[in-house]
Amino acid sequence: MKQAFLTLLFLNLSFLGFCQKAEKTKSIDNYLTEVMKTYEIPGLAVGVVKNDKIIFKKYYGRENLESDKKVDSHSLFRVYSTTKLITNVAVFQLIEKGQLSLEDKISKYVDNLPKQWQDVKIKNLLSHSSGIPDFARYEDIPADASNAQVFERLSKEKMEFETGNQFSYNQTNYMLLAMIIEKITRQKFEDYVQKNQFSDANNKVIFSSNSIEEVPNRIQLYRYNDSLKQYKKSTHVGGLRSHPGNGLTISLPDFLQWSINLDTNKFLTDNTKKIMWRSFDYTNKQDVFAHGWEITKTGNIMSYGFSGGNISAYSIFPENDLSIIFMSNGYKYNAFPPLYFIVNHIAGLIDKHLANPYWSREESVASEIINKPNVKKEIYGYRIENDNVIFTYKIPKDLNAEAIDKMSVAGSFNDWNPGNKAYQMVLKDKNTFELVLPKSQFEKGKTYEFRFVMNKSGWFTTPYSALNTNGNPNDNNLTFRVD
């Protein structure tokens, strides 16, 4: 009798788990179908790994706009700068083997460097704190220029800032990392990565930073031209030096397997991953970035990832055994790249506590601006009451309010400084933040601009329904005036 009861209980729990998984899968599918319509995405592939098992894997739309060929498991997406995650892992594999150190100077491995680059360290390349000039900013460097020619051209430029001071995204950093990998391993960068990260790939994993090169099954990237009101094929050619920074072309099944291998320590140990994901200590004490990975904090939950070309993204939640892969070939609305919205929304569908409230809020506002609902526009974000200006932000019901640590007001009246303690908002109840300031603090008849900022760095987009805006399409800041 007891055995029968336990068997029945097990079956019920298994059935319940199956139903919950099916419900989440359906929710993700319904959401992605709607997103495809909203952002007019030609084609995409999305995968989710939970507890080292693939719980969602699906393909949508077409590989290109010139044919009806559907995106499928053999479709190869160029993931652009998401490639840097693979290069990061390659670097830390060498660190784990004792063949490289974060504290090593790059001059130990690369000869004939410009003098001012000599003291830059491996950690500075990974954290984009090197200060070395970025080759991507100089149009007079040919795509087929040799490494020596690139160095010669960049040596004519000053260091952009003191090494270690700040984060400044830079492609030269990853060119140098690939050169160091090649020096240590005596292999081509591409061959080393293939052997040590993609030996079990079912499809071809290709490195190519040439958008016009014919690659079988490779998805075509499109950029929407607002003037012509149509998609145009990308024709950018980056050359071999761009491979470690933006050249990976991969199918969804192989990317999902890579994610499982990363999580199950096939590539790196837990201790090494902790070092890789540790926040770099910038001199300016402001920037937040790990060793090649973006850091996102949602409440007390940490996630790490990166994106590429505004059309691919990878995010991993180590403590929640969850990772999400998003790959697409374009989107219509250039002002609102949807990749972070989508990855965040899917995380929230898996577990509501993983939804970052800033990205959830921004997705809602972007959708409203795109769809332009028939709503009455009203004064938004403040009211004048007696002798006070009262800034107000009401948290929508569907937002993960527990993960909102701080709200502030930044504007033309405080040098747009969201860290100014005098402009931190106070939580009045469970869903309303307020900041009360005396009218006397503001000049009569003068128009001031402002925006709300969530958790120190999340600058709000002005909602479509706001009446009080400056009308400037470049920023569309909120405005107010004291009469």
Protein backbone atom coordinates (compact mmCIF):
# COMPACT_ATOMS: atom_id res chain seq x y z
CA MET A 1 0.00 0.00 0.00
CA LYS A 2 2.78 2.41 0.95
CA GLN A 3 4.69 1.51 -2.23
CA ALA A 4 1.58 2.16 -4.34
CA PHE A 5 1.06 5.53 -2.65
CA LEU A 6 4.65 6.58 -3.28
CA THR A 7 4.41 5.47 -6.91
CA LEU A 8 1.20 7.47 -7.36
CA LEU A 9 2.77 10.51 -5.71
CA PHE A 10 5.80 10.27 -8.00
CA LEU A 11 3.61 10.02 -11.08
CA ASN A 12 1.53 13.01 -9.98
CA LEU A 13 4.63 15.13 -9.36
CA SER A 14 6.10 14.08 -12.71
CA PHE A 15 2.86 14.97 -14.49
CA LEU A 16 2.73 18.32 -12.68
CA GLY A 17 6.31 19.06 -13.71
CA PHE A 18 5.52 18.13 -17.31
CA CYS A 19 2.46 20.41 -17.34
CA GLN A 20 4.43 23.33 -15.89
CA LYS A 21 7.18 22.89 -18.49
CA ALA A 22 4.61 22.70 -21.29
CA GLU A 23 2.88 25.82 -20.00
CA LYS A 24 6.15 27.78 -19.90
CA THR A 25 7.12 26.56 -23.37
CA LYS A 26 3.77 27.69 -24.74
CA SER A 27 4.11 31.08 -23.01
CA ILE A 28 7.58 31.63 -24.53
CA ASP A 29 6.35 30.56 -27.97
CA ASN A 30 3.31 32.86 -27.82
CA TYR A 31 5.49 35.75 -26.69
CA LEU A 32 8.08 35.26 -29.45
CA THR A 33 5.36 35.01 -32.08
CA GLU A 34 4.04 38.39 -30.94
CA VAL A 35 7.54 39.90 -30.78
CA MET A 36 8.19 38.84 -34.38
CA LYS A 37 5.17 40.88 -35.45
CA THR A 38 5.88 43.92 -33.27
CA TYR A 39 9.50 44.37 -34.36
CA GLU A 40 9.04 42.87 -37.84
CA ILE A 41 11.95 40.48 -37.35
CA PRO A 42 12.66 38.49 -40.54
CA GLY A 43 13.99 35.39 -38.76
CA LEU A 44 15.19 34.22 -35.37
CA ALA A 45 16.19 31.25 -33.26
CA VAL A 46 15.80 31.05 -29.48
CA GLY A 47 16.92 28.43 -26.99
CA VAL A 48 16.69 28.00 -23.23
CA VAL A 49 18.72 25.67 -21.01
CA LYS A 50 17.51 24.91 -17.49
CA ASN A 51 19.32 22.53 -15.13
CA ASP A 52 21.60 21.53 -18.02
CA LYS A 53 18.69 20.40 -20.20
CA ILE A 54 17.23 22.16 -23.21
CA ILE A 55 13.69 23.15 -22.25
CA PHE A 56 12.99 25.39 -25.25
CA LYS A 57 14.36 25.41 -28.79
CA LYS A 58 12.46 26.95 -31.66
CA TYR A 59 12.91 28.68 -35.00
CA TYR A 60 10.86 31.48 -36.55
CA GLY A 61 10.69 33.23 -39.89
CA ARG A 62 13.02 33.15 -42.89
CA GLU A 63 16.79 32.93 -43.34
CA ASN A 64 16.64 35.76 -45.85
CA LEU A 65 14.09 38.04 -47.48
CA GLU A 66 14.91 36.88 -51.01
CA SER A 67 13.57 33.35 -50.53
CA ASP A 68 11.07 31.38 -48.47
CA LYS A 69 13.71 29.19 -46.84
CA LYS A 70 12.78 28.84 -43.17
CA VAL A 71 15.14 29.20 -40.23
CA ASP A 72 15.90 25.71 -38.89
CA SER A 73 18.42 23.70 -36.88
CA HIS A 74 21.00 23.96 -39.69
CA SER A 75 20.73 27.74 -40.04
CA LEU A 76 23.99 29.49 -39.15
CA PHE A 77 23.77 32.85 -37.41
CA ARG A 78 26.71 35.23 -37.23
CA VAL A 79 26.52 36.36 -33.63
CA TYR A 80 28.80 39.39 -34.01
CA SER A 81 30.20 40.61 -30.67
CA THR A 82 28.66 37.72 -28.75
CA THR A 83 31.73 36.00 -30.26
CA LYS A 84 33.76 37.72 -27.54
CA LEU A 85 32.34 35.28 -24.97
CA ILE A 86 33.95 32.40 -26.83
CA THR A 87 37.26 34.29 -26.93
CA ASN A 88 36.92 34.97 -23.19
CA VAL A 89 36.54 31.26 -22.49
CA ALA A 90 39.58 30.50 -24.66
CA VAL A 91 41.67 32.98 -22.63
CA PHE A 92 40.53 31.56 -19.30
CA GLN A 93 41.24 28.01 -20.46
CA LEU A 94 44.88 29.08 -20.84
CA ILE A 95 44.77 30.83 -17.46
CA GLU A 96 43.42 27.68 -15.85
CA LYS A 97 46.28 25.67 -17.37
CA GLY A 98 48.81 28.12 -15.94
CA GLN A 99 49.93 29.25 -19.39
CA LEU A 100 48.65 32.79 -18.98
CA SER A 101 47.83 35.23 -16.16
CA LEU A 102 45.47 38.17 -15.93
CA GLU A 103 48.43 40.16 -14.58
CA ASP A 104 50.70 39.38 -17.53
CA LYS A 105 51.72 42.34 -19.65
CA ILE A 106 50.75 41.90 -23.28
CA SER A 107 54.31 42.79 -24.31
CA LYS A 108 55.33 39.39 -22.91
CA TYR A 109 53.56 37.73 -25.83
CA VAL A 110 53.31 40.31 -28.62
CA ASP A 111 56.41 41.79 -30.22
CA ASN A 112 56.85 45.24 -31.73
CA LEU A 113 54.07 46.90 -29.82
CA PRO A 114 53.87 50.70 -29.71
CA LYS A 115 55.76 51.94 -26.66
CA GLN A 116 52.69 53.30 -24.86
CA TRP A 117 51.00 49.87 -25.03
CA GLN A 118 53.80 48.00 -23.29
CA ASP A 119 52.35 48.00 -19.76
CA VAL A 120 48.80 47.03 -20.71
CA LYS A 121 47.83 43.72 -19.08
CA ILE A 122 45.62 40.81 -20.11
CA LYS A 123 42.98 41.94 -17.60
CA ASN A 124 42.85 45.34 -19.30
CA LEU A 125 42.06 43.78 -22.66
CA LEU A 126 39.24 41.65 -21.24
CA SER A 127 37.73 44.52 -19.24
CA HIS A 128 38.04 47.05 -22.08
CA SER A 129 40.17 49.24 -19.85
CA SER A 130 43.33 49.22 -21.98
CA GLY A 131 43.06 52.73 -23.40
CA ILE A 132 44.60 51.44 -26.65
CA PRO A 133 43.14 53.07 -29.79
CA ASP A 134 40.27 51.08 -31.33
CA PHE A 135 40.99 50.04 -34.92
CA ALA A 136 37.25 50.02 -35.68
CA ARG A 137 37.20 53.81 -35.42
CA TYR A 138 39.70 54.37 -38.22
CA GLU A 139 38.34 53.98 -41.73
CA ASP A 140 41.78 54.25 -43.32
CA ILE A 141 42.80 50.78 -42.07
CA PRO A 142 42.01 48.27 -44.85
CA ALA A 143 40.18 45.04 -43.96
CA ASP A 144 43.14 43.00 -45.23
CA ALA A 145 45.78 44.99 -43.34
CA SER A 146 48.28 42.84 -41.46
CA ASN A 147 48.58 43.04 -37.67
CA ALA A 148 51.86 44.93 -38.08
CA GLN A 149 50.17 47.45 -40.37
CA VAL A 150 47.35 47.94 -37.85
CA PHE A 151 49.89 48.56 -35.07
CA GLU A 152 51.80 51.00 -37.24
CA ARG A 153 48.67 53.01 -37.98
CA LEU A 154 47.41 53.01 -34.38
CA SER A 155 50.83 53.96 -33.03
CA LYS A 156 50.21 57.42 -34.51
CA GLU A 157 47.29 57.88 -32.11
CA LYS A 158 47.52 58.74 -28.42
CA MET A 159 46.25 56.39 -25.75
CA GLU A 160 42.57 57.16 -25.24
CA PHE A 161 42.86 57.24 -21.44
CA GLU A 162 45.06 55.97 -18.64
CA THR A 163 45.04 52.19 -18.60
CA GLY A 164 42.63 50.78 -16.03
CA ASN A 165 40.68 53.99 -15.52
CA GLN A 166 37.43 53.21 -17.32
CA PHE A 167 35.42 50.95 -19.59
CA SER A 168 35.64 51.80 -23.29
CA TYR A 169 34.48 49.14 -25.75
CA ASN A 170 37.34 48.31 -28.08
CA GLN A 171 37.91 45.81 -30.90
CA THR A 172 41.72 46.08 -30.78
CA ASN A 173 41.62 44.40 -27.36
CA TYR A 174 40.26 41.19 -28.88
CA MET A 175 42.60 41.28 -31.85
CA LEU A 176 45.45 41.28 -29.29
CA LEU A 177 43.88 38.47 -27.24
CA ALA A 178 43.72 36.27 -30.35
CA MET A 179 47.37 37.02 -31.12
CA ILE A 180 48.31 36.02 -27.57
CA ILE A 181 46.29 32.79 -27.82
CA GLU A 182 48.11 31.96 -31.05
CA LYS A 183 51.52 32.72 -29.54
CA ILE A 184 50.92 30.43 -26.55
CA THR A 185 49.19 27.54 -28.34
CA ARG A 186 51.09 27.74 -31.64
CA GLN A 187 47.74 27.26 -33.35
CA LYS A 188 45.50 29.55 -35.35
CA PHE A 189 42.96 31.21 -33.07
CA GLU A 190 40.08 29.63 -35.01
CA ASP A 191 41.59 26.13 -34.82
CA TYR A 192 42.23 26.40 -31.08
CA VAL A 193 38.66 27.47 -30.40
CA GLN A 194 37.20 24.75 -32.65
CA LYS A 195 39.24 22.06 -30.91
CA ASN A 196 38.66 23.23 -27.33
CA GLN A 197 35.07 24.48 -27.45
CA PHE A 198 33.30 23.02 -30.49
CA SER A 199 34.75 19.53 -31.01
CA ASP A 200 31.23 18.09 -30.51
CA ALA A 201 29.45 20.49 -32.89
CA ASN A 202 26.88 18.85 -35.18
CA ASN A 203 26.96 21.62 -37.77
CA LYS A 204 29.88 23.65 -39.04
CA VAL A 205 31.10 26.38 -36.70
CA ILE A 206 32.64 29.05 -38.88
CA PHE A 207 34.62 32.24 -38.32
CA SER A 208 33.97 34.94 -40.89
CA SER A 209 33.73 38.71 -40.45
CA ASN A 210 32.90 39.17 -44.12
CA SER A 211 29.18 39.91 -44.59
CA ILE A 212 29.26 39.36 -48.35
CA GLU A 213 31.17 36.06 -48.30
CA GLU A 214 29.09 33.10 -49.47
CA VAL A 215 28.72 30.75 -46.49
CA PRO A 216 26.32 27.79 -46.87
CA ASN A 217 23.30 28.02 -44.54
CA ARG A 218 24.46 31.36 -43.10
CA ILE A 219 21.66 33.73 -42.20
CA GLN A 220 21.64 37.06 -44.00
CA LEU A 221 21.83 40.11 -41.73
CA TYR A 222 19.60 43.05 -42.59
CA ARG A 223 19.65 46.63 -41.34
CA TYR A 224 16.45 48.63 -41.67
CA ASN A 225 16.95 51.86 -43.64
CA ASP A 226 14.61 54.46 -42.16
CA SER A 227 14.95 56.78 -45.16
CA LEU A 228 14.20 54.12 -47.76
CA LYS A 229 11.77 52.35 -45.41
CA GLN A 230 13.13 48.93 -46.29
CA TYR A 231 15.65 46.34 -45.17
CA LYS A 232 19.13 46.45 -46.69
CA LYS A 233 21.69 43.65 -46.60
CA SER A 234 24.76 44.24 -44.47
CA THR A 235 27.87 44.53 -46.65
CA HIS A 236 30.47 45.19 -43.96
CA VAL A 237 33.81 43.38 -44.27
CA GLY A 238 35.93 43.18 -41.11
CA GLY A 239 38.87 40.97 -42.06
CA LEU A 240 40.68 38.23 -40.12
CA ARG A 241 41.58 40.55 -37.23
CA SER A 242 37.85 40.84 -36.42
CA HIS A 243 37.30 37.09 -35.98
CA PRO A 244 37.87 36.99 -32.19
CA GLY A 245 35.61 40.01 -31.69
CA ASN A 246 32.70 39.40 -34.04
CA GLY A 247 33.23 36.52 -36.47
CA LEU A 248 31.54 33.44 -34.97
CA THR A 249 28.84 31.83 -37.12
CA ILE A 250 26.91 29.05 -35.38
CA SER A 251 23.65 27.10 -35.31
CA LEU A 252 21.29 27.16 -32.34
CA PRO A 253 21.83 23.47 -31.40
CA ASP A 254 25.60 23.95 -31.27
CA PHE A 255 25.32 27.16 -29.27
CA LEU A 256 23.01 25.40 -26.80
CA GLN A 257 25.53 22.57 -26.42
CA TRP A 258 28.27 25.15 -25.84
CA SER A 259 26.15 26.65 -23.06
CA ILE A 260 25.61 23.25 -21.43
CA ASN A 261 29.35 22.55 -21.62
CA LEU A 262 30.10 25.90 -20.01
CA ASP A 263 27.66 25.27 -17.18
CA THR A 264 28.80 21.70 -16.54
CA ASN A 265 32.48 22.69 -16.28
CA LYS A 266 33.55 21.02 -19.52
CA PHE A 267 35.42 24.22 -20.42
CA LEU A 268 36.27 25.81 -17.07
CA THR A 269 36.02 24.99 -13.37
CA ASP A 270 33.62 26.84 -11.10
CA ASN A 271 36.50 28.74 -9.51
CA THR A 272 37.80 29.91 -12.88
CA LYS A 273 34.32 31.05 -13.92
CA LYS A 274 33.99 33.02 -10.70
CA ILE A 275 37.19 34.87 -11.55
CA MET A 276 35.98 35.46 -15.11
CA TRP A 277 32.69 36.89 -13.83
CA ARG A 278 34.27 38.98 -11.09
CA SER A 279 33.72 42.70 -11.50
CA PHE A 280 36.83 44.53 -12.69
CA ASP A 281 38.11 47.26 -10.38
CA TYR A 282 38.15 50.38 -12.57
CA THR A 283 40.03 53.39 -11.25
CA ASN A 284 37.01 55.63 -11.78
CA LYS A 285 34.96 53.42 -9.41
CA GLN A 286 31.91 53.91 -11.64
CA ASP A 287 31.94 51.41 -14.48
CA VAL A 288 30.66 47.86 -13.93
CA PHE A 289 31.91 45.05 -16.14
CA ALA A 290 33.56 41.68 -15.61
CA HIS A 291 36.43 40.08 -17.54
CA GLY A 292 34.73 40.16 -20.92
CA TRP A 293 31.18 39.77 -19.63
CA GLU A 294 28.37 42.20 -18.87
CA ILE A 295 27.07 41.99 -15.31
CA THR A 296 23.36 42.35 -14.56
CA LYS A 297 22.03 42.47 -11.01
CA THR A 298 18.31 41.85 -10.53
CA GLY A 299 17.56 42.10 -6.83
CA ASN A 300 20.10 39.67 -5.37
CA ILE A 301 20.31 37.58 -8.53
CA MET A 302 23.36 37.90 -10.78
CA SER A 303 23.50 37.15 -14.47
CA TYR A 304 26.27 37.49 -17.01
CA GLY A 305 26.31 37.75 -20.77
CA PHE A 306 26.96 39.79 -23.86
CA SER A 307 25.34 40.75 -27.13
CA GLY A 308 26.35 41.31 -30.73
CA GLY A 309 25.25 43.60 -33.52
CA ASN A 310 21.98 44.20 -31.72
CA ILE A 311 20.83 40.88 -33.21
CA SER A 312 22.22 38.24 -30.85
CA ALA A 313 22.54 37.81 -27.10
CA TYR A 314 23.57 35.25 -24.51
CA SER A 315 22.70 35.40 -20.82
CA ILE A 316 23.50 32.96 -18.03
CA PHE A 317 22.14 32.87 -14.46
CA PRO A 318 24.66 30.58 -12.71
CA GLU A 319 22.84 30.30 -9.39
CA ASN A 320 19.57 29.51 -11.16
CA ASP A 321 21.03 27.02 -13.65
CA LEU A 322 19.50 28.96 -16.52
CA SER A 323 20.87 30.27 -19.80
CA ILE A 324 19.13 31.94 -22.75
CA ILE A 325 20.28 32.27 -26.36
CA PHE A 326 18.76 34.74 -28.82
CA MET A 327 19.83 35.02 -32.47
CA SER A 328 18.11 36.97 -35.24
CA ASN A 329 18.81 38.57 -38.62
CA GLY A 330 17.36 42.06 -38.14
CA TYR A 331 14.59 44.22 -36.73
CA LYS A 332 12.68 47.22 -38.03
CA TYR A 333 12.78 49.84 -35.28
CA ASN A 334 16.38 51.07 -34.94
CA ALA A 335 15.58 53.12 -31.83
CA PHE A 336 14.53 49.96 -29.97
CA PRO A 337 16.81 46.94 -30.48
CA PRO A 338 14.66 44.19 -28.93
CA LEU A 339 17.32 41.65 -27.90
CA TYR A 340 17.60 42.69 -24.24
CA PHE A 341 13.83 43.00 -23.96
CA ILE A 342 13.38 39.49 -25.31
CA VAL A 343 16.04 37.77 -23.19
CA ASN A 344 14.78 39.52 -20.07
CA HIS A 345 11.13 38.68 -20.82
CA ILE A 346 11.93 35.01 -21.35
CA ALA A 347 13.86 34.92 -18.05
CA GLY A 348 10.78 36.37 -16.36
CA LEU A 349 8.53 33.73 -17.91
CA ILE A 350 10.81 31.03 -16.48
CA ASP A 351 10.97 32.72 -13.06
CA LYS A 352 9.36 36.09 -12.34
CA HIS A 353 12.19 36.99 -9.95
CA LEU A 354 14.68 36.94 -12.84
CA ALA A 355 12.92 39.70 -14.79
CA ASN A 356 14.95 42.89 -14.54
CA PRO A 357 12.41 45.67 -13.87
CA TYR A 358 14.27 48.23 -15.97
CA TRP A 359 14.21 46.11 -19.12
CA SER A 360 10.60 45.08 -18.47
CA ARG A 361 9.59 48.71 -18.18
CA GLU A 362 11.55 49.71 -21.28
CA GLU A 363 9.97 46.90 -23.32
CA SER A 364 6.51 48.08 -22.35
CA VAL A 365 7.29 51.69 -23.29
CA ALA A 366 8.91 50.67 -26.59
CA SER A 367 5.89 48.57 -27.54
CA GLU A 368 3.61 51.52 -26.80
CA ILE A 369 5.71 53.90 -28.92
CA ILE A 370 5.78 51.42 -31.82
CA ASN A 371 2.08 50.58 -31.72
CA LYS A 372 0.96 54.18 -31.00
CA PRO A 373 -2.26 53.35 -29.16
CA ASN A 374 -5.15 55.79 -29.20
CA VAL A 375 -4.58 57.24 -25.72
CA LYS A 376 -5.02 60.70 -24.30
CA LYS A 377 -1.66 62.33 -23.62
CA GLU A 378 -1.21 63.66 -20.10
CA ILE A 379 1.35 65.35 -17.87
CA TYR A 380 3.71 62.61 -16.74
CA GLY A 381 6.20 62.27 -13.90
CA TYR A 382 5.46 65.31 -11.74
CA ARG A 383 2.83 67.57 -10.26
CA ILE A 384 2.95 70.96 -8.53
CA GLU A 385 1.18 70.97 -5.20
CA ASN A 386 1.11 74.01 -2.92
CA ASP A 387 4.74 75.19 -2.74
CA ASN A 388 6.32 71.96 -3.91
CA VAL A 389 7.29 70.17 -7.11
CA ILE A 390 6.53 66.48 -6.57
CA PHE A 391 8.20 63.97 -8.92
CA THR A 392 6.28 60.69 -9.02
CA TYR A 393 6.87 57.27 -10.53
CA LYS A 394 4.20 54.59 -10.16
CA ILE A 395 5.43 51.02 -10.56
CA PRO A 396 3.29 48.99 -12.98
CA LYS A 397 1.69 45.89 -11.48
CA ASP A 398 3.54 43.47 -13.74
CA LEU A 399 7.00 44.81 -12.83
CA ASN A 400 9.38 42.92 -10.52
CA ALA A 401 9.20 45.69 -7.91
CA GLU A 402 11.31 43.79 -5.38
CA ALA A 403 14.34 44.28 -7.64
CA ILE A 404 14.07 48.08 -7.66
CA ASP A 405 16.75 49.24 -5.23
CA LYS A 406 16.82 52.92 -6.13
CA MET A 407 14.95 55.50 -8.14
CA SER A 408 16.28 58.99 -8.80
CA VAL A 409 15.56 62.09 -10.85
CA ALA A 410 18.24 63.52 -13.12
CA GLY A 411 17.86 66.66 -15.17
CA SER A 412 19.07 70.04 -16.28
CA PHE A 413 18.75 71.23 -12.67
CA ASN A 414 21.35 68.80 -11.24
CA ASP A 415 23.80 68.31 -14.13
CA TRP A 416 21.99 65.10 -15.10
CA ASN A 417 23.59 63.33 -12.16
CA PRO A 418 21.50 60.35 -11.00
CA GLY A 419 23.89 59.81 -8.09
CA ASN A 420 23.10 63.17 -6.47
CA LYS A 421 21.75 62.24 -3.04
CA ALA A 422 19.42 65.24 -2.96
CA TYR A 423 17.46 63.78 -5.89
CA GLN A 424 16.92 60.24 -4.68
CA MET A 425 13.27 59.24 -4.64
CA VAL A 426 11.52 57.69 -1.64
CA LEU A 427 9.19 54.68 -1.75
CA LYS A 428 5.90 56.04 -0.40
CA ASP A 429 4.00 52.77 -0.64
CA LYS A 430 4.42 49.47 -2.44
CA ASN A 431 4.10 50.96 -5.89
CA THR A 432 4.97 54.67 -5.78
CA PHE A 433 8.28 56.52 -5.61
CA GLU A 434 8.25 60.25 -4.87
CA LEU A 435 10.64 63.16 -4.54
CA VAL A 436 9.38 66.41 -3.03
CA LEU A 437 11.33 69.60 -3.74
CA PRO A 438 10.41 73.21 -2.92
CA LYS A 439 9.27 75.38 -5.85
CA SER A 440 11.69 78.05 -4.66
CA GLN A 441 14.53 75.81 -5.81
CA PHE A 442 13.58 76.44 -9.44
CA GLU A 443 13.59 79.65 -11.47
CA LYS A 444 10.11 80.88 -12.37
CA GLY A 445 9.16 80.66 -16.03
CA LYS A 446 12.15 78.49 -16.93
CA THR A 447 11.60 75.11 -18.58
CA TYR A 448 13.59 72.26 -17.04
CA GLU A 449 14.22 68.83 -18.53
CA PHE A 450 14.42 65.56 -16.59
CA ARG A 451 14.29 61.79 -16.71
CA PHE A 452 13.85 59.02 -14.17
CA VAL A 453 16.74 56.62 -13.47
CA MET A 454 16.30 53.15 -11.97
CA ASN A 455 19.04 51.39 -10.01
CA LYS A 456 21.70 54.03 -10.79
CA SER A 457 22.08 53.35 -14.52
CA GLY A 458 18.65 52.57 -15.99
CA TRP A 459 17.63 55.76 -17.79
CA PHE A 460 13.93 55.72 -18.63
CA THR A 461 12.61 56.25 -22.12
CA THR A 462 9.82 58.83 -22.12
CA PRO A 463 6.45 57.08 -22.56
CA TYR A 464 4.29 57.67 -25.62
CA SER A 465 1.43 59.02 -23.47
CA ALA A 466 3.55 61.82 -21.93
CA LEU A 467 2.38 65.31 -22.91
CA ASN A 468 5.25 67.22 -21.29
CA THR A 469 8.25 66.51 -23.55
CA ASN A 470 10.85 68.70 -25.23
CA GLY A 471 9.85 67.36 -28.64
CA ASN A 472 13.47 66.55 -29.54
CA PRO A 473 13.51 63.12 -31.26
CA ASN A 474 17.12 62.56 -30.13
CA ASP A 475 16.26 62.41 -26.44
CA ASN A 476 12.58 63.37 -25.95
CA ASN A 477 13.21 64.37 -22.34
CA LEU A 478 10.38 65.13 -19.94
CA THR A 479 9.88 68.80 -19.08
CA PHE A 480 8.32 70.94 -16.37
CA ARG A 481 8.07 74.62 -15.54
CA VAL A 482 7.32 76.52 -12.36
CA ASP A 483 5.13 79.61 -12.98
